[in-house]
PDB file of N, CA and C in Angstrom:
ATOM      1  N   MET A   1     102.592  46.248 101.709  1.00  0.00           N
ATOM      2  CA  MET A   1     102.023  45.383 100.734  1.00  0.00           C
ATOM      3  C   MET A   1     101.227  46.231  99.820  1.00  0.00           C
ATOM      4  N   ALA A   2     101.409  46.178  98.632  1.00  0.00           N
ATOM      5  CA  ALA A   2     100.823  46.967  97.516  1.00  0.00           C
ATOM      6  C   ALA A   2      99.351  46.480  97.445  1.00  0.00           C
ATOM      7  N   GLN A   3      98.457  47.421  97.276  1.00  0.00           N
ATOM      8  CA  GLN A   3      96.883  47.201  97.064  1.00  0.00           C
ATOM      9  C   GLN A   3      96.747  47.065  95.518  1.00  0.00           C
ATOM     10  N   SER A   4      95.677  46.354  95.166  1.00  0.00           N
ATOM     11  CA  SER A   4      95.432  46.220  93.769  1.00  0.00           C
ATOM     12  C   SER A   4      94.655  47.375  93.421  1.00  0.00           C
ATOM     13  N   GLN A   5      94.500  47.794  92.069  1.00  0.00           N
ATOM     14  CA  GLN A   5      93.760  48.812  91.646  1.00  0.00           C
ATOM     15  C   GLN A   5      92.196  48.598  91.795  1.00  0.00           C
ATOM     16  N   THR A   6      91.725  47.446  91.960  1.00  0.00           N
ATOM     17  CA  THR A   6      90.415  47.158  92.137  1.00  0.00           C
ATOM     18  C   THR A   6      90.179  47.452  93.673  1.00  0.00           C
ATOM     19  N   ALA A   7      90.999  47.250  94.641  1.00  0.00           N
ATOM     20  CA  ALA A   7      90.768  47.445  95.974  1.00  0.00           C
ATOM     21  C   ALA A   7      90.708  48.973  96.252  1.00  0.00           C
ATOM     22  N   VAL A   8      91.626  49.676  95.594  1.00  0.00           N
ATOM     23  CA  VAL A   8      91.559  51.025  95.711  1.00  0.00           C
ATOM     24  C   VAL A   8      90.284  51.659  95.039  1.00  0.00           C
ATOM     25  N   ARG A   9      89.856  51.022  94.083  1.00  0.00           N
ATOM     26  CA  ARG A   9      88.576  51.667  93.378  1.00  0.00           C
ATOM     27  C   ARG A   9      87.529  51.324  94.368  1.00  0.00           C
ATOM     28  N   ASN A  10      87.202  50.162  94.910  1.00  0.00           N
ATOM     29  CA  ASN A  10      86.258  49.749  95.870  1.00  0.00           C
ATOM     30  C   ASN A  10      86.176  50.693  97.096  1.00  0.00           C
ATOM     31  N   ARG A  11      87.319  50.912  97.601  1.00  0.00           N
ATOM     32  CA  ARG A  11      87.422  51.958  98.749  1.00  0.00           C
ATOM     33  C   ARG A  11      86.853  53.243  98.415  1.00  0.00           C
ATOM     34  N   ALA A  12      87.339  53.764  97.307  1.00  0.00           N
ATOM     35  CA  ALA A  12      87.018  55.180  96.926  1.00  0.00           C
ATOM     36  C   ALA A  12      85.440  55.254  96.644  1.00  0.00           C
ATOM     37  N   ILE A  13      84.998  54.167  96.044  1.00  0.00           N
ATOM     38  CA  ILE A  13      83.495  54.064  95.914  1.00  0.00           C
ATOM     39  C   ILE A  13      82.769  54.082  97.233  1.00  0.00           C
ATOM     40  N   LYS A  14      83.256  53.371  98.192  1.00  0.00           N
ATOM     41  CA  LYS A  14      82.707  53.239  99.535  1.00  0.00           C
ATOM     42  C   LYS A  14      82.793  54.662 100.211  1.00  0.00           C
ATOM     43  N   THR A  15      83.987  55.335 100.123  1.00  0.00           N
ATOM     44  CA  THR A  15      84.013  56.675 100.785  1.00  0.00           C
ATOM     45  C   THR A  15      83.131  57.623 100.214  1.00  0.00           C
ATOM     46  N   THR A  16      83.190  57.602  98.808  1.00  0.00           N
ATOM     47  CA  THR A  16      82.160  58.632  98.135  1.00  0.00           C
ATOM     48  C   THR A  16      80.850  58.464  98.437  1.00  0.00           C
ATOM     49  N   LEU A  17      80.291  57.327  98.541  1.00  0.00           N
ATOM     50  CA  LEU A  17      78.942  57.120  98.681  1.00  0.00           C
ATOM     51  C   LEU A  17      78.579  57.290 100.169  1.00  0.00           C
ATOM     52  N   GLU A  18      79.453  56.937 101.052  1.00  0.00           N
ATOM     53  CA  GLU A  18      79.227  57.225 102.473  1.00  0.00           C
ATOM     54  C   GLU A  18      79.133  58.588 102.761  1.00  0.00           C
ATOM     55  N   ALA A  19      79.900  59.499 101.915  1.00  0.00           N
ATOM     56  CA  ALA A  19      79.652  60.976 102.130  1.00  0.00           C
ATOM     57  C   ALA A  19      78.418  61.457 101.765  1.00  0.00           C
ATOM     58  N   ALA A  20      77.633  60.684 100.834  1.00  0.00           N
ATOM     59  CA  ALA A  20      76.264  61.168 100.600  1.00  0.00           C
ATOM     60  C   ALA A  20      75.283  60.560 101.486  1.00  0.00           C
ATOM     61  N   PHE A  21      75.436  59.256 101.882  1.00  0.00           N
ATOM     62  CA  PHE A  21      74.470  58.599 102.637  1.00  0.00           C
ATOM     63  C   PHE A  21      74.640  58.402 104.062  1.00  0.00           C
ATOM     64  N   GLY A  22      75.881  58.650 104.460  1.00  0.00           N
ATOM     65  CA  GLY A  22      76.232  58.464 105.856  1.00  0.00           C
ATOM     66  C   GLY A  22      77.105  57.199 106.159  1.00  0.00           C
ATOM     67  N   LYS A  23      77.984  57.444 107.179  1.00  0.00           N
ATOM     68  CA  LYS A  23      78.875  56.315 107.495  1.00  0.00           C
ATOM     69  C   LYS A  23      78.169  55.059 107.935  1.00  0.00           C
ATOM     70  N   GLY A  24      78.540  53.971 107.490  1.00  0.00           N
ATOM     71  CA  GLY A  24      78.041  52.644 107.908  1.00  0.00           C
ATOM     72  C   GLY A  24      76.842  52.311 107.119  1.00  0.00           C
ATOM     73  N   LYS A  25      76.341  53.172 106.111  1.00  0.00           N
ATOM     74  CA  LYS A  25      75.180  52.873 105.258  1.00  0.00           C
ATOM     75  C   LYS A  25      75.551  52.363 103.997  1.00  0.00           C
ATOM     76  N   VAL A  26      76.794  52.061 103.701  1.00  0.00           N
ATOM     77  CA  VAL A  26      77.301  51.552 102.416  1.00  0.00           C
ATOM     78  C   VAL A  26      78.297  50.385 102.594  1.00  0.00           C
ATOM     79  N   SER A  27      78.012  49.321 101.718  1.00  0.00           N
ATOM     80  CA  SER A  27      79.054  48.181 101.814  1.00  0.00           C
ATOM     81  C   SER A  27      79.301  47.944 100.252  1.00  0.00           C
ATOM     82  N   VAL A  28      80.396  47.738 100.015  1.00  0.00           N
ATOM     83  CA  VAL A  28      80.946  47.476  98.744  1.00  0.00           C
ATOM     84  C   VAL A  28      81.698  46.090  98.594  1.00  0.00           C
ATOM     85  N   ARG A  29      81.306  45.271  97.603  1.00  0.00           N
ATOM     86  CA  ARG A  29      81.795  43.971  97.377  1.00  0.00           C
ATOM     87  C   ARG A  29      82.138  43.755  95.908  1.00  0.00           C
ATOM     88  N   GLY A  30      83.440  43.343  95.682  1.00  0.00           N
ATOM     89  CA  GLY A  30      83.899  43.084  94.416  1.00  0.00           C
ATOM     90  C   GLY A  30      83.520  41.684  94.083  1.00  0.00           C
ATOM     91  N   SER A  31      83.327  41.374  92.846  1.00  0.00           N
ATOM     92  CA  SER A  31      83.020  40.087  92.272  1.00  0.00           C
ATOM     93  C   SER A  31      84.394  39.218  92.224  1.00  0.00           C
ATOM     94  N   ARG A  32      84.129  37.855  92.340  1.00  0.00           N
ATOM     95  CA  ARG A  32      85.260  37.083  91.997  1.00  0.00           C
ATOM     96  C   ARG A  32      85.135  36.217  90.885  1.00  0.00           C
ATOM     97  N   GLY A  33      86.376  35.429  90.648  1.00  0.00           N
ATOM     98  CA  GLY A  33      86.249  34.492  89.603  1.00  0.00           C
ATOM     99  C   GLY A  33      86.064  35.135  88.238  1.00  0.00           C
ATOM    100  N   THR A  34      85.282  34.608  87.393  1.00  0.00           N
ATOM    101  CA  THR A  34      85.196  35.106  86.063  1.00  0.00           C
ATOM    102  C   THR A  34      84.539  36.540  85.972  1.00  0.00           C
ATOM    103  N   ALA A  35      83.911  36.916  87.132  1.00  0.00           N
ATOM    104  CA  ALA A  35      83.396  38.302  87.083  1.00  0.00           C
ATOM    105  C   ALA A  35      84.099  39.283  87.839  1.00  0.00           C
ATOM    106  N   TYR A  36      85.476  38.908  88.001  1.00  0.00           N
ATOM    107  CA  TYR A  36      86.479  39.863  88.538  1.00  0.00           C
ATOM    108  C   TYR A  36      86.379  41.115  87.923  1.00  0.00           C
ATOM    109  N   GLY A  37      86.476  42.196  88.686  1.00  0.00           N
ATOM    110  CA  GLY A  37      86.375  43.496  88.206  1.00  0.00           C
ATOM    111  C   GLY A  37      85.054  44.333  88.229  1.00  0.00           C
ATOM    112  N   TYR A  38      84.083  43.400  88.440  1.00  0.00           N
ATOM    113  CA  TYR A  38      82.789  43.927  88.704  1.00  0.00           C
ATOM    114  C   TYR A  38      82.602  44.315  90.115  1.00  0.00           C
ATOM    115  N   VAL A  39      81.815  45.196  90.503  1.00  0.00           N
ATOM    116  CA  VAL A  39      81.668  45.561  91.844  1.00  0.00           C
ATOM    117  C   VAL A  39      80.173  46.018  92.064  1.00  0.00           C
ATOM    118  N   THR A  40      79.685  45.692  93.393  1.00  0.00           N
ATOM    119  CA  THR A  40      78.281  45.937  93.825  1.00  0.00           C
ATOM    120  C   THR A  40      78.419  46.782  95.014  1.00  0.00           C
ATOM    121  N   ALA A  41      77.694  47.909  94.994  1.00  0.00           N
ATOM    122  CA  ALA A  41      77.621  48.828  96.196  1.00  0.00           C
ATOM    123  C   ALA A  41      76.155  48.544  96.698  1.00  0.00           C
ATOM    124  N   TYR A  42      76.101  48.274  97.996  1.00  0.00           N
ATOM    125  CA  TYR A  42      74.796  48.087  98.739  1.00  0.00           C
ATOM    126  C   TYR A  42      74.583  49.288  99.593  1.00  0.00           C
ATOM    127  N   VAL A  43      73.550  50.085  99.360  1.00  0.00           N
ATOM    128  CA  VAL A  43      73.274  51.233 100.130  1.00  0.00           C
ATOM    129  C   VAL A  43      72.022  51.007 101.026  1.00  0.00           C
ATOM    130  N   ASP A  44      72.168  51.285 102.278  1.00  0.00           N
ATOM    131  CA  ASP A  44      70.954  51.117 103.128  1.00  0.00           C
ATOM    132  C   ASP A  44      70.087  52.358 103.215  1.00  0.00           C
ATOM    133  N   TRP A  45      69.343  52.516 101.983  1.00  0.00           N
ATOM    134  CA  TRP A  45      68.432  53.564 101.927  1.00  0.00           C
ATOM    135  C   TRP A  45      67.164  52.940 101.026  1.00  0.00           C
ATOM    136  N   THR A  46      65.906  53.444 101.442  1.00  0.00           N
ATOM    137  CA  THR A  46      64.715  52.834 100.973  1.00  0.00           C
ATOM    138  C   THR A  46      64.113  54.109 100.012  1.00  0.00           C
ATOM    139  N   PRO A  47      64.022  53.736  98.853  1.00  0.00           N
ATOM    140  CA  PRO A  47      63.352  54.853  97.913  1.00  0.00           C
ATOM    141  C   PRO A  47      61.809  54.695  98.063  1.00  0.00           C
ATOM    142  N   LEU A  48      61.162  55.683  97.826  1.00  0.00           N
ATOM    143  CA  LEU A  48      59.665  55.810  97.933  1.00  0.00           C
ATOM    144  C   LEU A  48      58.950  54.908  96.792  1.00  0.00           C
ATOM    145  N   ASP A  49      59.478  54.998  95.702  1.00  0.00           N
ATOM    146  CA  ASP A  49      59.043  54.277  94.480  1.00  0.00           C
ATOM    147  C   ASP A  49      60.102  53.986  93.458  1.00  0.00           C
ATOM    148  N   CYS A  50      59.809  53.207  92.440  1.00  0.00           N
ATOM    149  CA  CYS A  50      60.705  52.886  91.393  1.00  0.00           C
ATOM    150  C   CYS A  50      61.398  54.103  90.641  1.00  0.00           C
ATOM    151  N   GLU A  51      60.595  55.110  90.385  1.00  0.00           N
ATOM    152  CA  GLU A  51      61.222  56.391  89.801  1.00  0.00           C
ATOM    153  C   GLU A  51      62.144  56.950  90.565  1.00  0.00           C
ATOM    154  N   GLN A  52      61.944  57.018  91.884  1.00  0.00           N
ATOM    155  CA  GLN A  52      62.964  57.713  92.767  1.00  0.00           C
ATOM    156  C   GLN A  52      64.223  56.768  92.863  1.00  0.00           C
ATOM    157  N   SER A  53      64.150  55.586  92.838  1.00  0.00           N
ATOM    158  CA  SER A  53      65.160  54.676  92.741  1.00  0.00           C
ATOM    159  C   SER A  53      66.042  54.906  91.567  1.00  0.00           C
ATOM    160  N   ASP A  54      65.396  55.014  90.426  1.00  0.00           N
ATOM    161  CA  ASP A  54      66.150  55.244  89.077  1.00  0.00           C
ATOM    162  C   ASP A  54      66.881  56.617  89.211  1.00  0.00           C
ATOM    163  N   ARG A  55      66.147  57.605  89.753  1.00  0.00           N
ATOM    164  CA  ARG A  55      66.752  58.944  89.799  1.00  0.00           C
ATOM    165  C   ARG A  55      68.061  58.932  90.641  1.00  0.00           C
ATOM    166  N   MET A  56      67.873  58.134  91.805  1.00  0.00           N
ATOM    167  CA  MET A  56      69.112  57.988  92.777  1.00  0.00           C
ATOM    168  C   MET A  56      70.322  57.139  92.145  1.00  0.00           C
ATOM    169  N   HIS A  57      69.913  56.200  91.306  1.00  0.00           N
ATOM    170  CA  HIS A  57      70.952  55.505  90.710  1.00  0.00           C
ATOM    171  C   HIS A  57      71.902  56.446  89.871  1.00  0.00           C
ATOM    172  N   ALA A  58      71.069  57.201  89.012  1.00  0.00           N
ATOM    173  CA  ALA A  58      71.724  58.264  88.088  1.00  0.00           C
ATOM    174  C   ALA A  58      72.518  59.146  88.941  1.00  0.00           C
ATOM    175  N   GLN A  59      71.937  59.753  90.043  1.00  0.00           N
ATOM    176  CA  GLN A  59      72.763  60.631  90.869  1.00  0.00           C
ATOM    177  C   GLN A  59      74.000  60.011  91.586  1.00  0.00           C
ATOM    178  N   CYS A  60      73.909  58.724  91.831  1.00  0.00           N
ATOM    179  CA  CYS A  60      75.010  58.196  92.577  1.00  0.00           C
ATOM    180  C   CYS A  60      76.293  57.796  91.433  1.00  0.00           C
ATOM    181  N   LYS A  61      75.686  57.533  90.174  1.00  0.00           N
ATOM    182  CA  LYS A  61      76.786  57.182  89.136  1.00  0.00           C
ATOM    183  C   LYS A  61      77.476  58.492  88.802  1.00  0.00           C
ATOM    184  N   ALA A  62      76.487  59.574  88.716  1.00  0.00           N
ATOM    185  CA  ALA A  62      77.040  61.014  88.447  1.00  0.00           C
ATOM    186  C   ALA A  62      78.220  61.478  89.514  1.00  0.00           C
ATOM    187  N   LEU A  63      77.838  61.116  90.679  1.00  0.00           N
ATOM    188  CA  LEU A  63      78.694  61.417  91.892  1.00  0.00           C
ATOM    189  C   LEU A  63      79.972  60.702  91.828  1.00  0.00           C
ATOM    190  N   LEU A  64      79.984  59.304  91.486  1.00  0.00           N
ATOM    191  CA  LEU A  64      81.166  58.608  91.300  1.00  0.00           C
ATOM    192  C   LEU A  64      82.123  59.021  90.199  1.00  0.00           C
ATOM    193  N   ARG A  65      81.381  59.312  89.150  1.00  0.00           N
ATOM    194  CA  ARG A  65      82.179  59.842  87.918  1.00  0.00           C
ATOM    195  C   ARG A  65      82.820  61.269  88.313  1.00  0.00           C
ATOM    196  N   ALA A  66      82.060  62.115  89.045  1.00  0.00           N
ATOM    197  CA  ALA A  66      82.608  63.351  89.282  1.00  0.00           C
ATOM    198  C   ALA A  66      83.707  63.277  90.298  1.00  0.00           C
ATOM    199  N   ALA A  67      83.846  62.160  91.053  1.00  0.00           N
ATOM    200  CA  ALA A  67      84.861  61.995  92.042  1.00  0.00           C
ATOM    201  C   ALA A  67      86.102  61.390  91.179  1.00  0.00           C
ATOM    202  N   GLY A  68      85.894  61.208  89.833  1.00  0.00           N
ATOM    203  CA  GLY A  68      87.050  60.645  89.133  1.00  0.00           C
ATOM    204  C   GLY A  68      87.347  59.149  89.237  1.00  0.00           C
ATOM    205  N   ILE A  69      86.236  58.444  89.857  1.00  0.00           N
ATOM    206  CA  ILE A  69      86.444  56.829  89.875  1.00  0.00           C
ATOM    207  C   ILE A  69      85.980  56.174  88.631  1.00  0.00           C
ATOM    208  N   ASP A  70      86.925  55.243  88.165  1.00  0.00           N
ATOM    209  CA  ASP A  70      86.816  54.692  86.983  1.00  0.00           C
ATOM    210  C   ASP A  70      85.754  53.505  87.255  1.00  0.00           C
ATOM    211  N   LEU A  71      84.667  53.491  86.634  1.00  0.00           N
ATOM    212  CA  LEU A  71      83.659  52.404  86.868  1.00  0.00           C
ATOM    213  C   LEU A  71      83.811  51.188  86.214  1.00  0.00           C
ATOM    214  N   GLY A  72      84.888  51.141  85.241  1.00  0.00           N
ATOM    215  CA  GLY A  72      85.022  50.071  84.381  1.00  0.00           C
ATOM    216  C   GLY A  72      84.108  50.043  83.256  1.00  0.00           C
ATOM    217  N   ARG A  73      84.381  49.257  82.200  1.00  0.00           N
ATOM    218  CA  ARG A  73      83.509  49.155  80.917  1.00  0.00           C
ATOM    219  C   ARG A  73      83.459  47.745  80.626  1.00  0.00           C
ATOM    220  N   ALA A  74      82.223  47.439  80.120  1.00  0.00           N
ATOM    221  CA  ALA A  74      81.970  45.973  79.748  1.00  0.00           C
ATOM    222  C   ALA A  74      81.031  46.086  78.517  1.00  0.00           C
ATOM    223  N   TYR A  75      80.974  45.133  77.578  1.00  0.00           N
ATOM    224  CA  TYR A  75      80.018  45.158  76.458  1.00  0.00           C
ATOM    225  C   TYR A  75      79.092  43.928  76.685  1.00  0.00           C
ATOM    226  N   THR A  76      77.888  44.372  76.276  1.00  0.00           N
ATOM    227  CA  THR A  76      76.791  43.406  76.764  1.00  0.00           C
ATOM    228  C   THR A  76      76.374  42.258  75.623  1.00  0.00           C
ATOM    229  N   ASP A  77      77.114  42.431  74.472  1.00  0.00           N
ATOM    230  CA  ASP A  77      76.803  41.442  73.410  1.00  0.00           C
ATOM    231  C   ASP A  77      78.029  41.206  72.630  1.00  0.00           C
ATOM    232  N   ASP A  78      77.963  40.244  71.675  1.00  0.00           N
ATOM    233  CA  ASP A  78      79.091  39.801  71.074  1.00  0.00           C
ATOM    234  C   ASP A  78      79.607  40.879  69.870  1.00  0.00           C
ATOM    235  N   THR A  79      78.692  41.626  69.521  1.00  0.00           N
ATOM    236  CA  THR A  79      78.941  42.746  68.465  1.00  0.00           C
ATOM    237  C   THR A  79      79.572  43.899  69.140  1.00  0.00           C
ATOM    238  N   CYS A  80      79.723  43.941  70.374  1.00  0.00           N
ATOM    239  CA  CYS A  80      80.132  45.164  71.131  1.00  0.00           C
ATOM    240  C   CYS A  80      79.384  46.326  70.850  1.00  0.00           C
ATOM    241  N   GLN A  81      78.160  46.360  70.649  1.00  0.00           N
ATOM    242  CA  GLN A  81      77.216  47.407  70.306  1.00  0.00           C
ATOM    243  C   GLN A  81      76.887  48.062  71.504  1.00  0.00           C
ATOM    244  N   TRP A  82      76.499  47.418  72.661  1.00  0.00           N
ATOM    245  CA  TRP A  82      75.923  48.110  73.826  1.00  0.00           C
ATOM    246  C   TRP A  82      77.121  48.075  74.846  1.00  0.00           C
ATOM    247  N   GLU A  83      77.457  49.191  75.541  1.00  0.00           N
ATOM    248  CA  GLU A  83      78.481  49.296  76.567  1.00  0.00           C
ATOM    249  C   GLU A  83      77.737  49.732  77.914  1.00  0.00           C
ATOM    250  N   CYS A  84      78.297  49.098  79.030  1.00  0.00           N
ATOM    251  CA  CYS A  84      77.688  49.386  80.387  1.00  0.00           C
ATOM    252  C   CYS A  84      78.843  49.415  81.329  1.00  0.00           C
ATOM    253  N   ASP A  85      78.689  49.983  82.572  1.00  0.00           N
ATOM    254  CA  ASP A  85      79.811  50.231  83.424  1.00  0.00           C
ATOM    255  C   ASP A  85      79.640  48.803  84.354  1.00  0.00           C
ATOM    256  N   LYS A  86      80.794  48.478  85.018  1.00  0.00           N
ATOM    257  CA  LYS A  86      80.892  47.313  85.729  1.00  0.00           C
ATOM    258  C   LYS A  86      80.614  47.670  87.192  1.00  0.00           C
ATOM    259  N   THR A  87      80.035  48.709  87.486  1.00  0.00           N
ATOM    260  CA  THR A  87      79.486  49.025  88.942  1.00  0.00           C
ATOM    261  C   THR A  87      78.046  49.076  89.066  1.00  0.00           C
ATOM    262  N   ARG A  88      77.567  48.286  90.067  1.00  0.00           N
ATOM    263  CA  ARG A  88      76.178  48.180  90.223  1.00  0.00           C
ATOM    264  C   ARG A  88      75.837  48.685  91.669  1.00  0.00           C
ATOM    265  N   ILE A  89      74.833  49.536  91.673  1.00  0.00           N
ATOM    266  CA  ILE A  89      74.330  50.090  92.939  1.00  0.00           C
ATOM    267  C   ILE A  89      73.005  49.482  93.352  1.00  0.00           C
ATOM    268  N   GLU A  90      72.795  49.061  94.576  1.00  0.00           N
ATOM    269  CA  GLU A  90      71.609  48.461  94.979  1.00  0.00           C
ATOM    270  C   GLU A  90      71.235  49.174  96.301  1.00  0.00           C
ATOM    271  N   PHE A  91      69.815  49.500  96.277  1.00  0.00           N
ATOM    272  CA  PHE A  91      69.119  50.139  97.537  1.00  0.00           C
ATOM    273  C   PHE A  91      68.195  49.137  98.081  1.00  0.00           C
ATOM    274  N   ASN A  92      67.664  49.336  99.044  1.00  0.00           N
ATOM    275  CA  ASN A  92      66.524  48.517  99.737  1.00  0.00           C
ATOM    276  C   ASN A  92      65.394  48.568  98.798  1.00  0.00           C
ATOM    277  N   ALA A  93      64.480  47.610  98.741  1.00  0.00           N
ATOM    278  CA  ALA A  93      63.278  47.572  97.864  1.00  0.00           C
ATOM    279  C   ALA A  93      62.457  48.845  98.044  1.00  0.00           C
ATOM    280  N   ALA A  94      61.953  49.290  96.922  1.00  0.00           N
ATOM    281  CA  ALA A  94      61.020  50.547  97.024  1.00  0.00           C
ATOM    282  C   ALA A  94      59.760  50.235  97.763  1.00  0.00           C
ATOM    283  N   ARG A  95      59.209  51.084  98.426  1.00  0.00           N
ATOM    284  CA  ARG A  95      58.179  51.048  99.203  1.00  0.00           C
ATOM    285  C   ARG A  95      56.924  50.697  98.322  1.00  0.00           C
ATOM    286  N   TYR A  96      56.759  51.485  97.260  1.00  0.00           N
ATOM    287  CA  TYR A  96      55.701  51.443  96.272  1.00  0.00           C
ATOM    288  C   TYR A  96      56.159  51.226  94.965  1.00  0.00           C
ATOM    289  N   TYR A  97      55.411  50.780  94.041  1.00  0.00           N
ATOM    290  CA  TYR A  97      55.816  50.830  92.669  1.00  0.00           C
ATOM    291  C   TYR A  97      55.835  52.133  92.021  1.00  0.00           C
ATOM    292  N   ARG A  98      54.666  52.852  92.262  1.00  0.00           N
ATOM    293  CA  ARG A  98      54.570  54.146  91.716  1.00  0.00           C
ATOM    294  C   ARG A  98      53.838  55.069  92.725  1.00  0.00           C
ATOM    295  N   THR A  99      54.263  56.443  92.689  1.00  0.00           N
ATOM    296  CA  THR A  99      53.471  57.345  93.508  1.00  0.00           C
ATOM    297  C   THR A  99      52.952  58.497  92.741  1.00  0.00           C
ATOM    298  N   ARG A 100      51.849  59.217  93.271  1.00  0.00           N
ATOM    299  CA  ARG A 100      51.348  60.436  92.425  1.00  0.00           C
ATOM    300  C   ARG A 100      50.889  61.329  93.496  1.00  0.00           C
ATOM    301  N   LYS A 101      51.320  62.498  93.524  1.00  0.00           N
ATOM    302  CA  LYS A 101      50.977  63.640  94.319  1.00  0.00           C
ATOM    303  C   LYS A 101      49.938  64.525  93.669  1.00  0.00           C
ATOM    304  N   HIS A 102      48.756  64.708  94.410  1.00  0.00           N
ATOM    305  CA  HIS A 102      47.573  65.294  93.752  1.00  0.00           C
ATOM    306  C   HIS A 102      47.811  66.854  94.232  1.00  0.00           C
ATOM    307  N   SER A 103      46.899  67.668  93.542  1.00  0.00           N
ATOM    308  CA  SER A 103      46.987  69.177  93.754  1.00  0.00           C
ATOM    309  C   SER A 103      46.707  69.576  95.112  1.00  0.00           C
ATOM    310  N   ASP A 104      45.743  68.731  95.861  1.00  0.00           N
ATOM    311  CA  ASP A 104      45.514  69.102  97.301  1.00  0.00           C
ATOM    312  C   ASP A 104      46.572  68.801  98.321  1.00  0.00           C
ATOM    313  N   GLY A 105      47.599  68.077  97.765  1.00  0.00           N
ATOM    314  CA  GLY A 105      48.651  67.700  98.731  1.00  0.00           C
ATOM    315  C   GLY A 105      48.708  66.312  99.012  1.00  0.00           C
ATOM    316  N   THR A 106      47.597  65.553  98.937  1.00  0.00           N
ATOM    317  CA  THR A 106      47.498  64.090  99.292  1.00  0.00           C
ATOM    318  C   THR A 106      48.312  63.232  98.239  1.00  0.00           C
ATOM    319  N   MET A 107      48.629  62.167  98.548  1.00  0.00           N
ATOM    320  CA  MET A 107      49.361  61.229  97.806  1.00  0.00           C
ATOM    321  C   MET A 107      48.678  59.897  97.664  1.00  0.00           C
ATOM    322  N   SER A 108      48.801  59.393  96.375  1.00  0.00           N
ATOM    323  CA  SER A 108      48.255  58.169  96.013  1.00  0.00           C
ATOM    324  C   SER A 108      49.490  57.085  95.631  1.00  0.00           C
ATOM    325  N   VAL A 109      49.225  55.821  95.899  1.00  0.00           N
ATOM    326  CA  VAL A 109      50.350  54.888  95.630  1.00  0.00           C
ATOM    327  C   VAL A 109      49.718  53.691  94.748  1.00  0.00           C
ATOM    328  N   GLN A 110      50.543  53.199  94.070  1.00  0.00           N
ATOM    329  CA  GLN A 110      50.300  51.992  93.400  1.00  0.00           C
ATOM    330  C   GLN A 110      51.093  50.798  93.932  1.00  0.00           C
ATOM    331  N   ALA A 111      50.585  49.881  94.602  1.00  0.00           N
ATOM    332  CA  ALA A 111      51.362  48.902  95.391  1.00  0.00           C
ATOM    333  C   ALA A 111      52.439  48.141  94.539  1.00  0.00           C
ATOM    334  N   ASP A 112      51.993  47.695  93.334  1.00  0.00           N
ATOM    335  CA  ASP A 112      52.714  46.856  92.502  1.00  0.00           C
ATOM    336  C   ASP A 112      52.354  47.120  90.925  1.00  0.00           C
ATOM    337  N   ARG A 113      53.178  46.757  90.049  1.00  0.00           N
ATOM    338  CA  ARG A 113      52.850  47.034  88.694  1.00  0.00           C
ATOM    339  C   ARG A 113      51.716  46.223  88.048  1.00  0.00           C
ATOM    340  N   TRP A 114      51.275  45.313  88.675  1.00  0.00           N
ATOM    341  CA  TRP A 114      50.053  44.480  88.170  1.00  0.00           C
ATOM    342  C   TRP A 114      48.808  44.941  88.814  1.00  0.00           C
ATOM    343  N   ASP A 115      48.888  45.727  89.859  1.00  0.00           N
ATOM    344  CA  ASP A 115      47.805  46.195  90.539  1.00  0.00           C
ATOM    345  C   ASP A 115      47.429  47.725  90.026  1.00  0.00           C
ATOM    346  N   ASN A 116      46.295  47.811  89.173  1.00  0.00           N
ATOM    347  CA  ASN A 116      46.096  49.175  88.613  1.00  0.00           C
ATOM    348  C   ASN A 116      45.313  50.084  89.584  1.00  0.00           C
ATOM    349  N   GLU A 117      45.012  49.705  90.706  1.00  0.00           N
ATOM    350  CA  GLU A 117      44.104  50.357  91.757  1.00  0.00           C
ATOM    351  C   GLU A 117      45.311  51.417  92.323  1.00  0.00           C
ATOM    352  N   TRP A 118      44.732  52.660  92.403  1.00  0.00           N
ATOM    353  CA  TRP A 118      45.625  53.666  93.217  1.00  0.00           C
ATOM    354  C   TRP A 118      45.000  53.706  94.541  1.00  0.00           C
ATOM    355  N   GLN A 119      45.839  53.943  95.539  1.00  0.00           N
ATOM    356  CA  GLN A 119      45.261  54.003  96.917  1.00  0.00           C
ATOM    357  C   GLN A 119      45.898  55.205  97.689  1.00  0.00           C
ATOM    358  N   THR A 120      44.943  56.034  98.258  1.00  0.00           N
ATOM    359  CA  THR A 120      45.424  57.198  98.894  1.00  0.00           C
ATOM    360  C   THR A 120      46.115  56.750 100.212  1.00  0.00           C
ATOM    361  N   ILE A 121      47.221  57.505 100.379  1.00  0.00           N
ATOM    362  CA  ILE A 121      48.009  57.394 101.592  1.00  0.00           C
ATOM    363  C   ILE A 121      47.345  58.215 102.692  1.00  0.00           C
ATOM    364  N   PRO A 122      46.951  57.675 103.892  1.00  0.00           N
ATOM    365  CA  PRO A 122      46.269  58.596 104.836  1.00  0.00           C
ATOM    366  C   PRO A 122      47.314  59.418 105.461  1.00  0.00           C
ATOM    367  N   ALA A 123      46.852  60.722 105.741  1.00  0.00           N
ATOM    368  CA  ALA A 123      47.667  61.848 106.196  1.00  0.00           C
ATOM    369  C   ALA A 123      48.245  61.567 107.706  1.00  0.00           C
TER     370      ALA A 123
END
């Protein structure tokens, strides 16, 4: 039985991300119905903060593009001005909103974006 292009793409995404994060750490699910063609990859990895999560998203997308995987294209508005890909990557929730490393090697964290207080992480 012939496999669909979407199923082949989803397996390639899973194989590529598992090479980076480890076997069993990635699950890929394609959308159904009117969202057919969109895919979400769930990665069992916890970033330290939001900035690390953003950097890892960019690295994962670059890894998938380097592997030659077509991520699909969609337009976000009626004028087709903004383009995005149809692949979404999700990680576990970040431990902190923001982190900061001091010159003495200690780290401070900001628990959430509404809390302006920085707290030092005990060594």
